[in-house]
Amino acid sequence: MATQTLNNKNTNHSCFVFLILFALFVRGSVLFSHLETFDADPDDYGRLAENLSIFHVFGSEENPTAFRPPLYPYFLSLLTFLQINPDKSDFLNSILLSRNATIALFHWILGLLTVFLVYRIALECHFTEKAACCAAFLVAVDPILLQQSRLVMTETFAVFWAALILFFIIKLHSVPKNNLSVADLSFSNQNRNWNSWQNGIRYSISLVMIGILLGLSVLCRPTFLAFAGLLTLYLAIPLSSTQFPKLKPSQRFILFPFGKIIIFLIGLAIPLSFWAIRNEKVFQRPIITTTHSGYTFFLANNDDLYDYYHESRPWLSLWDPTTFHDNWSQTISVHKSSLKDGSKQTEQELLQDSWAQNAAWDVIERRPGDFVTSIVYRIGNLWQFLPYAVPDPQTESQTTRWIRYAIGLFYLFELGFALIGTLGLAFSIEKNNNQSPCWIFGFLLILSIQIPHLIFWTNMRMRAPFMIFIPLLTLYGIGWLYAKTGLRNKNPDR
C-alpha cells in the first residue's frame, strides 16, 4: 500500500534538475567556503598520499605500512597532477588548484555522484521521481556526510562506494511486474537455451563486476568485508526448483547457489589479491585489510573506557581517551625496545597490532559483564541522534548548541520514520514480494556496518555508508503511515 503511494508513471524531470542544482550549491558551499578544514589530517591519509607522490611508497618515506587502507590515499595522490607545483610552468600553475581545493573538488564530485546514485536506487525501488528526489535530498543535506566531506577522511569515498554497489546489486536483482528477478529471467526461457545461457553469462559478468567493486570498497573501508560476507550468504540461498522445471538438479546446483558464489568471490578477489600480494612481500603475511584493527578493537575494549561506563551520565558525555593514548604510547615504546636491533618497521607494526588484539581480549575475559555493557553503548553511539558537545559542554557557544539540537531533530525525524518504514515493510513484504530484493540488500548494508561495530570502536560517523539507504526507509515510512492513517485516497491509480 505504501509502495503504491510511491508509484506514479507521470514523472517531472524538473524535480531532478532542482535536486542536482541544490546538491551542487549545498555541497559546494560547505566544501569551498572553509578550505582550511582540509589542513587537518587526523587519520594520516593526506601524508600517505604525499608520500606516495614523492617516494612512490605507501608508508613513511621508504618504509611501507598497512596501517590504513590504501585506496583513498592512492586517489588523493593522483590529485597532485591538478595541484600547483613549483616544478611546473607559470602557465600551468595559473590554471591549477591548491592542495585543499583539489581535495574539495574530489569530494564535491563524489558527493554529487552519491546523490545521483541514491536517486537512481530509489527509482529502482519503485519510488516516484518526486519521492526519489526527496530521498536524495536527505542525503544531500545529511549532517554527518556534510561534516565528513570537509575532512581528509574516507567517509565521503566510502559512502560513494556504498551507493554505487547498492545501485548495481539492486539493478541486477530488480523485480519486474511478473515477480521474476533478473537472475530468474536469465534461465527462464527454456525454449531458447542459447538465449538463456547468454543471459546467464551476462548475469555472471555482472556478479564479477559487483565483486570487483566490493573488493575496491574493502580497500577503502575494511568493514565492507562484512558486506561481502553477507552478500555471499544471500547468494547461498537456493532458489525454488519450481522456477526452473526443465533444468536438471545438477544444473540448478551449479547455477544456484554454488556457481553464483564462486563467480562473485572471483570478482571480490581480483582487487584484494593485489593488496594481499603486496603485503605478503612486505609483511610476509597476505593481509587483505589493515594492521589497524587491533588498535580499533583495543580502543573499544580497555579498562579506562569500561571504568568510564560506570560513571554517571555516560550517554550525555564523551569519553576522554587521553589516558588510554598515553598508556598505549608507553606500552608500544616498551615493546619496541624489546625487539632486536635492526628489526624492520613492518615487524613493529605487526607486533603492535597483535599486542593490541591480545590486550583487548584480556580485558574482555576479565570483565565480560562490562563487555556486554559496552556493546549496548556502542549500538547507542552508532544510532544516536544528538552529536556530543566537543570538547567541553561548558565552553560550547549558544550557536553551536542550537546547531547540535537542529542536527538531533533532523536525525530524530529521519531515523524515526525509517523505523516506521522498517515496521511497515515487515507487515507488507509478503504482499509486495516484488519489492523484496531492493530492501534486503539495504538491510544487509546496515548489518554489515552494525555487526563489526558491536566490538570495534564506534561513533556517529561510522554509520555514514548506510545513510544512503536510511532515507529510502524514511520515505517508505512516511508513505506507509500516510496510507495507514487514511489521509490519502487509497485508489492505487492516484
Protein backbone atom coordinates (compact mmCIF):
# COMPACT_ATOMS: atom_id res chain seq x y z
CA MET A 1 0.00 0.00 0.00
CA ALA A 2 2.84 2.35 0.85
CA THR A 3 4.54 1.21 -2.33
CA GLN A 4 1.52 2.32 -4.32
CA THR A 5 1.86 5.74 -2.76
CA LEU A 6 5.33 5.94 -4.28
CA ASN A 7 4.34 4.63 -7.70
CA ASN A 8 3.45 7.08 -10.42
CA LYS A 9 4.07 6.78 -14.13
CA ASN A 10 3.99 10.53 -14.68
CA THR A 11 7.44 11.95 -13.98
CA ASN A 12 8.56 15.52 -13.85
CA HIS A 13 12.27 15.92 -14.51
CA SER A 14 12.27 19.45 -13.14
CA CYS A 15 12.43 17.81 -9.71
CA PHE A 16 15.65 16.05 -10.67
CA VAL A 17 17.15 19.21 -12.15
CA PHE A 18 16.38 21.09 -8.94
CA LEU A 19 17.91 18.27 -6.89
CA ILE A 20 21.20 18.39 -8.80
CA LEU A 21 21.43 22.18 -8.67
CA PHE A 22 20.62 22.15 -4.97
CA ALA A 23 23.23 19.46 -4.29
CA LEU A 24 25.78 21.41 -6.33
CA PHE A 25 25.16 24.52 -4.27
CA VAL A 26 24.96 22.95 -0.82
CA ARG A 27 27.90 20.59 -1.20
CA GLY A 28 29.99 23.21 -2.98
CA SER A 29 29.26 25.86 -0.34
CA VAL A 30 30.20 23.52 2.51
CA LEU A 31 33.41 22.38 0.83
CA PHE A 32 34.83 25.56 -0.68
CA SER A 33 33.80 28.08 1.98
CA HIS A 34 36.30 26.71 4.52
CA LEU A 35 39.15 25.03 2.64
CA GLU A 36 41.35 25.31 5.72
CA THR A 37 39.49 22.32 7.25
CA PHE A 38 41.47 20.11 4.89
CA ASP A 39 44.70 21.16 6.60
CA ALA A 40 43.93 18.72 9.39
CA ASP A 41 44.92 15.12 8.73
CA PRO A 42 43.52 13.13 11.68
CA ASP A 43 43.93 9.70 10.09
CA ASP A 44 47.18 10.35 8.19
CA TYR A 45 45.63 9.87 4.74
CA GLY A 46 46.96 13.16 3.42
CA ARG A 47 50.52 12.37 4.49
CA LEU A 48 50.28 8.88 2.99
CA ALA A 49 49.14 10.41 -0.30
CA GLU A 50 52.04 12.86 -0.28
CA ASN A 51 54.46 10.04 0.47
CA LEU A 52 53.08 8.11 -2.49
CA SER A 53 53.63 11.12 -4.74
CA ILE A 54 57.18 11.73 -3.57
CA PHE A 55 58.61 8.31 -2.68
CA HIS A 56 56.11 6.07 -4.52
CA VAL A 57 55.73 4.06 -1.32
CA PHE A 58 52.57 3.57 0.71
CA GLY A 59 54.07 4.38 4.07
CA SER A 60 56.56 6.76 5.63
CA GLU A 61 59.35 7.70 3.22
CA GLU A 62 60.84 4.33 2.17
CA ASN A 63 59.13 2.37 4.98
CA PRO A 64 55.91 0.65 3.85
CA THR A 65 52.82 0.30 6.03
CA ALA A 66 49.42 -1.40 6.04
CA PHE A 67 48.03 0.54 8.98
CA ARG A 68 45.48 2.31 6.77
CA PRO A 69 43.51 1.07 3.74
CA PRO A 70 45.24 2.16 0.53
CA LEU A 71 42.54 3.21 -1.96
CA TYR A 72 41.71 6.70 -0.67
CA PRO A 73 45.37 7.81 -0.36
CA TYR A 74 46.06 6.47 -3.85
CA PHE A 75 43.27 8.61 -5.27
CA LEU A 76 44.49 11.63 -3.30
CA SER A 77 47.97 11.11 -4.71
CA LEU A 78 46.52 11.30 -8.23
CA LEU A 79 45.20 14.77 -7.43
CA THR A 80 48.75 16.11 -7.39
CA PHE A 81 48.50 16.37 -11.19
CA LEU A 82 45.91 19.12 -10.65
CA GLN A 83 47.83 20.95 -7.96
CA ILE A 84 50.17 23.92 -8.07
CA ASN A 85 53.77 22.78 -8.22
CA PRO A 86 56.94 24.92 -8.39
CA ASP A 87 58.38 22.48 -10.96
CA LYS A 88 55.60 23.27 -13.43
CA SER A 89 55.43 26.25 -15.74
CA ASP A 90 53.80 29.51 -14.68
CA PHE A 91 51.06 28.94 -17.22
CA LEU A 92 50.18 25.51 -15.82
CA ASN A 93 50.24 26.77 -12.26
CA SER A 94 47.87 29.58 -13.23
CA ILE A 95 45.15 27.07 -14.13
CA LEU A 96 45.86 24.55 -11.36
CA LEU A 97 44.40 24.40 -7.86
CA SER A 98 45.77 24.35 -4.36
CA ARG A 99 46.10 21.08 -2.50
CA ASN A 100 42.98 21.76 -0.40
CA ALA A 101 40.95 22.89 -3.41
CA THR A 102 41.67 19.69 -5.31
CA ILE A 103 40.52 17.57 -2.36
CA ALA A 104 37.38 19.72 -2.08
CA LEU A 105 36.74 19.24 -5.80
CA PHE A 106 37.23 15.48 -5.45
CA HIS A 107 34.78 15.30 -2.53
CA TRP A 108 32.36 17.56 -4.38
CA ILE A 109 32.24 15.18 -7.34
CA LEU A 110 31.90 12.16 -5.06
CA GLY A 111 29.05 13.84 -3.16
CA LEU A 112 27.15 14.70 -6.34
CA LEU A 113 27.57 11.19 -7.70
CA THR A 114 26.32 9.78 -4.41
CA VAL A 115 23.20 11.97 -4.50
CA PHE A 116 22.52 10.88 -8.09
CA LEU A 117 23.01 7.19 -7.24
CA VAL A 118 20.59 7.41 -4.32
CA TYR A 119 18.05 8.96 -6.68
CA ARG A 120 18.54 6.05 -9.09
CA ILE A 121 18.34 3.49 -6.28
CA ALA A 122 15.03 4.96 -5.18
CA LEU A 123 13.67 4.68 -8.73
CA GLU A 124 14.80 1.03 -8.85
CA CYS A 125 12.85 0.53 -5.62
CA HIS A 126 9.73 1.79 -7.49
CA PHE A 127 9.61 5.25 -5.92
CA THR A 128 8.10 8.10 -7.89
CA GLU A 129 10.53 10.70 -9.16
CA LYS A 130 9.43 13.19 -6.50
CA ALA A 131 9.87 10.62 -3.75
CA ALA A 132 13.26 9.64 -5.20
CA CYS A 133 14.28 13.31 -5.20
CA CYS A 134 13.20 13.60 -1.56
CA ALA A 135 15.35 10.61 -0.59
CA ALA A 136 18.35 12.03 -2.47
CA PHE A 137 17.67 15.44 -0.89
CA LEU A 138 18.03 13.90 2.59
CA VAL A 139 21.40 12.52 1.52
CA ALA A 140 22.48 15.87 0.11
CA VAL A 141 21.85 17.65 3.43
CA ASP A 142 22.82 14.82 5.78
CA PRO A 143 24.86 16.48 8.58
CA ILE A 144 27.29 13.58 9.01
CA LEU A 145 28.01 13.38 5.29
CA LEU A 146 28.41 17.16 5.02
CA GLN A 147 30.74 17.35 8.01
CA GLN A 148 32.91 14.42 6.92
CA SER A 149 33.19 15.76 3.39
CA ARG A 150 35.15 18.69 4.86
CA LEU A 151 37.85 16.39 6.25
CA VAL A 152 40.65 14.32 4.74
CA MET A 153 38.95 11.08 5.78
CA THR A 154 37.41 8.12 3.98
CA GLU A 155 33.72 8.66 4.74
CA THR A 156 32.90 10.56 1.54
CA PHE A 157 34.66 7.96 -0.60
CA ALA A 158 33.14 5.05 1.34
CA VAL A 159 29.61 6.45 1.01
CA PHE A 160 30.11 6.73 -2.74
CA TRP A 161 31.21 3.09 -2.96
CA ALA A 162 28.25 2.00 -0.85
CA ALA A 163 25.83 3.84 -3.16
CA LEU A 164 27.50 2.51 -6.31
CA ILE A 165 27.49 -1.10 -5.12
CA LEU A 166 23.94 -0.94 -3.78
CA PHE A 167 22.71 0.52 -7.07
CA PHE A 168 24.28 -2.23 -9.18
CA ILE A 169 23.12 -5.01 -6.86
CA ILE A 170 19.55 -3.73 -6.81
CA LYS A 171 19.66 -3.09 -10.55
CA LEU A 172 20.81 -6.66 -11.15
CA HIS A 173 18.13 -8.15 -8.91
CA SER A 174 15.35 -5.64 -9.57
CA VAL A 175 11.97 -7.26 -9.98
CA PRO A 176 9.55 -6.58 -12.86
CA LYS A 177 5.79 -6.97 -12.62
CA ASN A 178 5.84 -10.73 -13.11
CA ASN A 179 7.81 -11.06 -9.86
CA LEU A 180 10.77 -12.80 -11.51
CA SER A 181 14.15 -11.26 -10.86
CA VAL A 182 16.86 -10.76 -13.44
CA ALA A 183 18.55 -13.86 -12.05
CA ASP A 184 15.37 -15.88 -12.59
CA LEU A 185 14.68 -14.48 -16.04
CA SER A 186 18.19 -15.32 -17.14
CA PHE A 187 17.31 -19.01 -17.23
CA SER A 188 13.53 -18.93 -17.54
CA ASN A 189 13.21 -19.26 -21.33
CA GLN A 190 13.79 -22.96 -21.80
CA ASN A 191 12.62 -22.96 -25.43
CA ARG A 192 15.67 -20.91 -26.42
CA ASN A 193 18.53 -22.34 -24.42
CA TRP A 194 21.10 -20.26 -26.30
CA ASN A 195 19.41 -17.10 -25.09
CA SER A 196 19.06 -18.49 -21.60
CA TRP A 197 22.77 -19.22 -21.34
CA GLN A 198 23.60 -15.90 -22.96
CA ASN A 199 21.65 -14.11 -20.26
CA GLY A 200 23.34 -16.30 -17.70
CA ILE A 201 26.74 -15.17 -18.93
CA ARG A 202 25.63 -11.54 -18.66
CA TYR A 203 24.43 -12.17 -15.13
CA SER A 204 27.76 -13.83 -14.27
CA ILE A 205 29.71 -10.88 -15.66
CA SER A 206 27.55 -8.54 -13.59
CA LEU A 207 28.30 -10.58 -10.47
CA VAL A 208 32.02 -10.38 -11.20
CA MET A 209 31.80 -6.61 -11.61
CA ILE A 210 29.91 -6.26 -8.33
CA GLY A 211 32.58 -8.39 -6.66
CA ILE A 212 35.32 -6.15 -8.08
CA LEU A 213 33.55 -3.02 -6.86
CA LEU A 214 33.08 -4.54 -3.43
CA GLY A 215 36.75 -5.54 -3.32
CA LEU A 216 37.71 -1.95 -4.10
CA SER A 217 35.40 -0.72 -1.37
CA VAL A 218 37.15 -3.01 1.14
CA LEU A 219 40.40 -1.28 0.19
CA CYS A 220 38.68 1.98 1.07
CA ARG A 221 36.98 0.83 4.28
CA PRO A 222 37.62 -2.71 5.59
CA THR A 223 34.15 -3.02 7.17
CA PHE A 224 32.83 -3.58 3.64
CA LEU A 225 34.28 -7.07 4.00
CA ALA A 226 31.31 -7.82 6.26
CA PHE A 227 29.00 -6.68 3.45
CA ALA A 228 30.77 -9.10 1.11
CA GLY A 229 30.23 -11.89 3.61
CA LEU A 230 26.52 -11.13 3.97
CA LEU A 231 26.08 -10.96 0.19
CA THR A 232 27.78 -14.35 -0.08
CA LEU A 233 25.27 -15.77 2.39
CA TYR A 234 22.45 -14.24 0.37
CA LEU A 235 23.75 -15.81 -2.82
CA ALA A 236 23.91 -19.14 -0.99
CA ILE A 237 20.13 -19.21 -0.61
CA PRO A 238 18.84 -21.77 -3.13
CA LEU A 239 16.00 -20.71 -5.39
CA SER A 240 12.82 -22.72 -5.71
CA SER A 241 13.10 -25.64 -8.11
CA THR A 242 9.61 -24.88 -9.41
CA GLN A 243 11.02 -21.80 -11.10
CA PHE A 244 13.27 -23.99 -13.28
CA PRO A 245 11.27 -27.14 -14.03
CA LYS A 246 13.30 -28.04 -17.13
CA LEU A 247 16.70 -27.69 -15.51
CA LYS A 248 18.33 -30.82 -14.13
CA PRO A 249 19.06 -30.87 -10.37
CA SER A 250 22.81 -30.82 -11.10
CA GLN A 251 22.40 -27.74 -13.27
CA ARG A 252 20.35 -25.96 -10.60
CA PHE A 253 23.03 -26.79 -8.02
CA ILE A 254 25.85 -25.38 -10.14
CA LEU A 255 23.99 -22.24 -11.11
CA PHE A 256 22.14 -21.64 -7.85
CA PRO A 257 23.76 -21.06 -5.47
CA PHE A 258 27.24 -22.59 -5.81
CA GLY A 259 28.07 -21.03 -9.15
CA LYS A 260 26.95 -17.55 -8.12
CA ILE A 261 29.12 -17.65 -5.02
CA ILE A 262 32.23 -18.72 -6.92
CA ILE A 263 31.68 -16.08 -9.61
CA PHE A 264 31.11 -13.35 -7.01
CA LEU A 265 34.17 -14.35 -4.96
CA ILE A 266 36.37 -14.33 -8.08
CA GLY A 267 35.42 -10.70 -8.66
CA LEU A 268 35.96 -9.87 -4.99
CA ALA A 269 39.41 -11.48 -5.01
CA ILE A 270 40.72 -9.56 -8.01
CA PRO A 271 41.38 -6.18 -6.30
CA LEU A 272 42.07 -7.71 -2.88
CA SER A 273 44.72 -10.01 -4.31
CA PHE A 274 46.92 -7.06 -5.36
CA TRP A 275 46.88 -5.69 -1.81
CA ALA A 276 47.42 -9.17 -0.31
CA ILE A 277 50.36 -9.92 -2.61
CA ARG A 278 51.95 -6.58 -1.77
CA ASN A 279 51.57 -7.25 1.95
CA GLU A 280 52.91 -10.79 1.57
CA LYS A 281 56.09 -9.29 0.13
CA VAL A 282 56.32 -6.55 2.74
CA PHE A 283 55.00 -8.24 5.90
CA GLN A 284 55.32 -11.91 4.92
CA ARG A 285 51.57 -12.10 5.52
CA PRO A 286 48.79 -11.81 2.91
CA ILE A 287 46.89 -9.08 4.78
CA ILE A 288 43.69 -8.15 2.91
CA THR A 289 42.53 -5.42 5.32
CA THR A 290 44.89 -3.43 7.57
CA THR A 291 47.08 -3.68 10.66
CA HIS A 292 44.81 -1.11 12.28
CA SER A 293 42.11 -3.49 13.53
CA GLY A 294 43.93 -4.35 16.74
CA TYR A 295 44.14 -0.72 17.79
CA THR A 296 40.46 -0.10 16.97
CA PHE A 297 39.49 -3.24 18.88
CA PHE A 298 41.52 -2.22 21.92
CA LEU A 299 40.23 1.36 21.78
CA ALA A 300 36.70 -0.04 22.21
CA ASN A 301 37.64 -2.57 24.90
CA ASN A 302 40.03 -1.24 27.52
CA ASP A 303 39.92 -0.77 31.27
CA ASP A 304 39.78 3.02 31.11
CA LEU A 305 36.69 3.00 28.88
CA TYR A 306 34.98 0.25 30.89
CA ASP A 307 35.57 2.29 34.06
CA TYR A 308 34.01 5.27 32.33
CA TYR A 309 30.84 3.29 31.67
CA HIS A 310 30.35 3.01 35.44
CA GLU A 311 30.36 6.77 35.85
CA SER A 312 27.17 8.83 35.84
CA ARG A 313 25.51 10.08 32.64
CA PRO A 314 27.78 8.30 30.09
CA TRP A 315 25.14 8.76 27.38
CA LEU A 316 25.37 12.54 27.62
CA SER A 317 29.13 12.97 27.78
CA LEU A 318 32.11 11.99 25.67
CA TRP A 319 34.86 9.71 26.90
CA ASP A 320 38.27 11.40 27.02
CA PRO A 321 40.79 8.89 25.61
CA THR A 322 43.86 10.89 26.70
CA THR A 323 44.80 8.41 29.45
CA PHE A 324 44.32 5.49 27.09
CA HIS A 325 46.53 7.05 24.42
CA ASP A 326 49.26 7.86 26.97
CA ASN A 327 49.27 4.28 28.25
CA TRP A 328 49.19 3.00 24.67
CA SER A 329 52.24 5.05 23.68
CA GLN A 330 54.20 3.88 26.71
CA THR A 331 53.33 0.24 26.09
CA ILE A 332 54.31 0.43 22.43
CA SER A 333 57.64 2.01 23.39
CA VAL A 334 58.32 -0.86 25.80
CA HIS A 335 57.50 -3.47 23.17
CA LYS A 336 59.64 -1.73 20.56
CA SER A 337 62.59 -1.70 22.94
CA SER A 338 62.26 -5.47 23.34
CA LEU A 339 62.77 -6.03 19.62
CA LYS A 340 66.13 -6.99 18.24
CA ASP A 341 68.32 -4.26 16.88
CA GLY A 342 67.75 -3.69 13.21
CA SER A 343 64.21 -5.04 13.20
CA LYS A 344 62.06 -3.66 10.45
CA GLN A 345 59.25 -1.17 10.97
CA THR A 346 56.88 -3.74 9.46
CA GLU A 347 57.73 -6.14 12.30
CA GLN A 348 56.97 -3.43 14.83
CA GLU A 349 53.65 -2.73 13.11
CA LEU A 350 52.63 -6.39 13.25
CA LEU A 351 53.69 -6.62 16.88
CA GLN A 352 51.67 -3.53 17.73
CA ASP A 353 48.56 -4.95 16.05
CA SER A 354 48.95 -8.35 17.72
CA TRP A 355 49.58 -6.86 21.15
CA ALA A 356 46.51 -4.61 20.91
CA GLN A 357 44.27 -7.54 19.97
CA ASN A 358 45.59 -9.66 22.83
CA ALA A 359 45.22 -6.79 25.29
CA ALA A 360 41.60 -6.24 24.25
CA TRP A 361 40.76 -9.93 24.61
CA ASP A 362 42.39 -9.91 28.03
CA VAL A 363 40.13 -7.05 29.15
CA ILE A 364 37.06 -8.83 27.75
CA GLU A 365 37.94 -12.09 29.55
CA ARG A 366 38.45 -10.28 32.84
CA ARG A 367 35.32 -8.12 32.55
CA PRO A 368 32.70 -9.99 30.49
CA GLY A 369 29.82 -8.08 32.05
CA ASP A 370 31.35 -4.76 31.09
CA PHE A 371 31.95 -6.11 27.59
CA VAL A 372 28.21 -6.76 27.20
CA THR A 373 27.51 -3.28 28.55
CA SER A 374 29.98 -1.79 26.08
CA ILE A 375 28.13 -3.47 23.19
CA VAL A 376 24.92 -1.75 24.27
CA TYR A 377 26.69 1.60 24.41
CA ARG A 378 28.29 1.06 21.00
CA ILE A 379 24.89 0.36 19.46
CA GLY A 380 23.65 3.58 21.01
CA ASN A 381 26.68 5.51 19.77
CA LEU A 382 26.17 4.30 16.21
CA TRP A 383 22.50 5.29 16.15
CA GLN A 384 22.45 8.35 18.39
CA PHE A 385 20.55 11.44 17.23
CA LEU A 386 22.37 14.24 19.00
CA PRO A 387 26.10 14.89 18.47
CA TYR A 388 28.24 15.26 21.56
CA ALA A 389 29.33 18.68 22.72
CA VAL A 390 33.05 18.58 21.93
CA PRO A 391 35.38 19.19 23.61
CA ASP A 392 33.76 20.66 26.72
CA PRO A 393 30.00 21.29 27.10
CA GLN A 394 30.70 24.25 29.40
CA THR A 395 32.64 26.10 26.71
CA GLU A 396 30.13 25.44 23.94
CA SER A 397 28.66 28.55 22.35
CA GLN A 398 24.93 29.01 22.08
CA THR A 399 25.11 28.92 18.27
CA THR A 400 26.94 25.59 18.30
CA ARG A 401 24.46 24.21 20.79
CA TRP A 402 21.48 25.13 18.60
CA ILE A 403 23.21 23.60 15.57
CA ARG A 404 23.63 20.38 17.52
CA TYR A 405 19.97 20.45 18.51
CA ALA A 406 18.95 21.01 14.87
CA ILE A 407 21.06 18.02 13.84
CA GLY A 408 19.39 15.98 16.56
CA LEU A 409 15.93 16.93 15.27
CA PHE A 410 16.96 16.04 11.72
CA TYR A 411 18.06 12.55 12.73
CA LEU A 412 15.10 12.12 15.07
CA PHE A 413 12.82 12.74 12.10
CA GLU A 414 14.83 10.65 9.63
CA LEU A 415 15.56 7.65 11.84
CA GLY A 416 12.12 7.77 13.44
CA PHE A 417 10.31 7.43 10.13
CA ALA A 418 12.93 4.91 8.98
CA LEU A 419 11.93 2.75 11.94
CA ILE A 420 8.27 3.13 10.94
CA GLY A 421 9.24 2.21 7.39
CA THR A 422 11.01 -0.91 8.65
CA LEU A 423 7.90 -1.94 10.58
CA GLY A 424 5.77 -1.21 7.54
CA LEU A 425 7.99 -3.42 5.40
CA ALA A 426 7.74 -6.22 7.93
CA PHE A 427 3.95 -6.17 7.54
CA SER A 428 3.93 -5.59 3.77
CA ILE A 429 6.86 -7.55 2.38
CA GLU A 430 4.85 -10.70 1.69
CA LYS A 431 2.11 -8.76 -0.08
CA ASN A 432 4.66 -6.85 -2.14
CA ASN A 433 7.27 -9.53 -2.74
CA ASN A 434 8.30 -7.76 -5.93
CA GLN A 435 9.97 -5.22 -3.64
CA SER A 436 11.94 -7.73 -1.56
CA PRO A 437 15.39 -7.59 -3.26
CA CYS A 438 15.52 -3.80 -3.08
CA TRP A 439 15.10 -3.73 0.67
CA ILE A 440 17.04 -6.90 1.50
CA PHE A 441 20.31 -5.52 0.14
CA GLY A 442 19.83 -2.25 2.00
CA PHE A 443 19.34 -4.06 5.29
CA LEU A 444 22.40 -6.21 4.56
CA LEU A 445 24.37 -2.98 4.16
CA ILE A 446 23.16 -1.78 7.56
CA LEU A 447 24.03 -5.09 9.19
CA SER A 448 27.48 -5.06 7.60
CA ILE A 449 28.23 -1.81 9.45
CA GLN A 450 26.45 -2.67 12.68
CA ILE A 451 27.93 -6.15 13.23
CA PRO A 452 31.64 -5.19 13.22
CA HIS A 453 30.91 -2.16 15.36
CA LEU A 454 29.43 -4.30 18.09
CA ILE A 455 33.01 -4.91 19.20
CA PHE A 456 35.09 -2.24 17.43
CA TRP A 457 35.29 1.46 18.23
CA THR A 458 32.09 3.24 17.25
CA ASN A 459 30.66 6.73 16.92
CA MET A 460 28.07 8.51 14.78
CA ARG A 461 30.27 8.92 11.73
CA MET A 462 30.71 5.15 11.44
CA ARG A 463 27.15 4.88 10.12
CA ALA A 464 27.91 7.15 7.14
CA PRO A 465 27.94 4.35 4.48
CA PHE A 466 24.40 3.19 5.20
CA MET A 467 22.97 6.71 5.40
CA ILE A 468 22.33 6.36 1.67
CA PHE A 469 19.70 3.71 2.46
CA ILE A 470 18.06 5.20 5.56
CA PRO A 471 16.30 7.97 3.54
CA LEU A 472 14.56 5.29 1.45
CA LEU A 473 13.21 3.74 4.64
CA THR A 474 12.23 7.22 5.82
CA LEU A 475 10.21 7.94 2.68
CA TYR A 476 8.66 4.47 2.79
CA GLY A 477 7.71 5.04 6.42
CA ILE A 478 6.05 8.35 5.61
CA GLY A 479 4.10 6.77 2.76
CA TRP A 480 3.12 3.74 4.80
CA LEU A 481 1.98 5.81 7.76
CA TYR A 482 0.13 8.17 5.44
CA ALA A 483 -1.73 5.24 3.95
CA LYS A 484 -2.50 3.59 7.28
CA THR A 485 -3.93 6.75 8.82
CA GLY A 486 -6.37 7.09 5.90
CA LEU A 487 -5.16 10.59 4.96
CA ARG A 488 -4.97 9.77 1.29
CA ASN A 489 -7.31 8.28 -1.26
CA LYS A 490 -6.39 4.60 -1.42
CA ASN A 491 -7.02 4.48 -5.17
CA PRO A 492 -3.76 2.98 -6.50
CA ASP A 493 -4.07 4.98 -9.73
CA ARG A 494 -3.56 8.23 -7.85
